[in-house]
Amino acid sequence: MRLDARGNKKGVNAQFSLSGEQRAFSVNKALGEKDYPMIYVAPHPKTVAVLQEQTDTLVMYKRHLPTCL
């Protein structure tokens, strides 16, 4: 089971359902977004390392996050 933690607000309706996923936003592949079909029980070591090492959020987002897991 996967949940979309971003929650509801005006124009967003991502209700909890046992019968299927209902995410707040669709994946935009044109922007390079990915939807991994598996559920990780722990964060990937590459991601943890970046979060621990970087101090500037925008620089981290633009240059240092892993492009694949």
Protein backbone atom coordinates (compact mmCIF):
# COMPACT_ATOMS: atom_id res chain seq x y z
CA MET A 1 0.00 0.00 0.00
CA ARG A 2 1.29 3.45 -0.91
CA LEU A 3 -0.07 6.70 0.49
CA ASP A 4 0.25 10.22 -0.83
CA ALA A 5 1.25 12.23 2.24
CA ARG A 6 0.76 15.62 0.57
CA GLY A 7 -2.88 15.61 1.60
CA ASN A 8 -5.96 17.37 0.35
CA LYS A 9 -6.50 21.04 -0.32
CA LYS A 10 -8.57 23.06 -2.76
CA GLY A 11 -8.46 21.24 -6.10
CA VAL A 12 -6.73 18.15 -4.67
CA ASN A 13 -8.70 15.08 -3.66
CA ALA A 14 -6.51 12.13 -2.66
CA GLN A 15 -8.77 10.01 -0.48
CA PHE A 16 -7.58 6.87 1.30
CA SER A 17 -8.88 3.70 -0.34
CA LEU A 18 -8.23 0.00 0.21
CA SER A 19 -9.36 -0.79 -3.34
CA GLY A 20 -6.84 1.36 -5.22
CA GLU A 21 -4.41 4.24 -5.23
CA GLN A 22 -5.66 7.82 -5.40
CA ARG A 23 -2.70 10.16 -5.43
CA ALA A 24 -2.81 13.92 -5.06
CA PHE A 25 -0.87 14.51 -8.29
CA SER A 26 0.00 12.39 -11.33
CA VAL A 27 3.60 11.61 -12.24
CA ASN A 28 4.87 13.99 -14.94
CA LYS A 29 7.30 11.94 -17.03
CA ALA A 30 7.99 14.96 -19.27
CA LEU A 31 9.64 16.60 -16.24
CA GLY A 32 11.68 13.48 -15.45
CA GLU A 33 9.47 12.37 -12.55
CA LYS A 34 9.45 8.64 -11.81
CA ASP A 35 7.00 6.38 -10.05
CA TYR A 36 8.87 3.47 -8.54
CA PRO A 37 6.54 0.44 -8.29
CA MET A 38 8.24 -0.92 -5.19
CA ILE A 39 8.03 0.22 -1.58
CA TYR A 40 11.34 0.81 0.19
CA VAL A 41 11.33 -0.09 3.88
CA ALA A 42 14.33 2.20 4.45
CA PRO A 43 15.65 5.22 2.53
CA HIS A 44 18.27 4.50 -0.11
CA PRO A 45 21.85 5.14 1.17
CA LYS A 46 22.51 7.60 -1.70
CA THR A 47 19.55 9.71 -0.61
CA VAL A 48 20.53 9.63 3.07
CA ALA A 49 24.10 10.66 2.23
CA VAL A 50 22.94 13.67 0.20
CA LEU A 51 20.55 14.80 2.93
CA GLN A 52 23.31 14.56 5.55
CA GLU A 53 26.00 16.30 3.48
CA GLN A 54 24.14 19.20 1.86
CA THR A 55 23.26 22.43 3.65
CA ASP A 56 21.56 24.34 0.82
CA THR A 57 18.21 22.84 -0.15
CA LEU A 58 18.02 24.40 -3.61
CA VAL A 59 21.57 23.39 -4.52
CA MET A 60 20.87 19.89 -3.23
CA TYR A 61 17.68 19.66 -5.30
CA LYS A 62 19.29 20.98 -8.49
CA ARG A 63 22.66 19.22 -8.36
CA HIS A 64 23.01 16.45 -5.81
CA LEU A 65 19.94 14.23 -5.51
CA PRO A 66 20.43 10.79 -7.07
CA THR A 67 18.95 10.46 -10.56
CA CYS A 68 18.24 6.76 -10.10
CA LEU A 69 18.05 4.28 -7.24
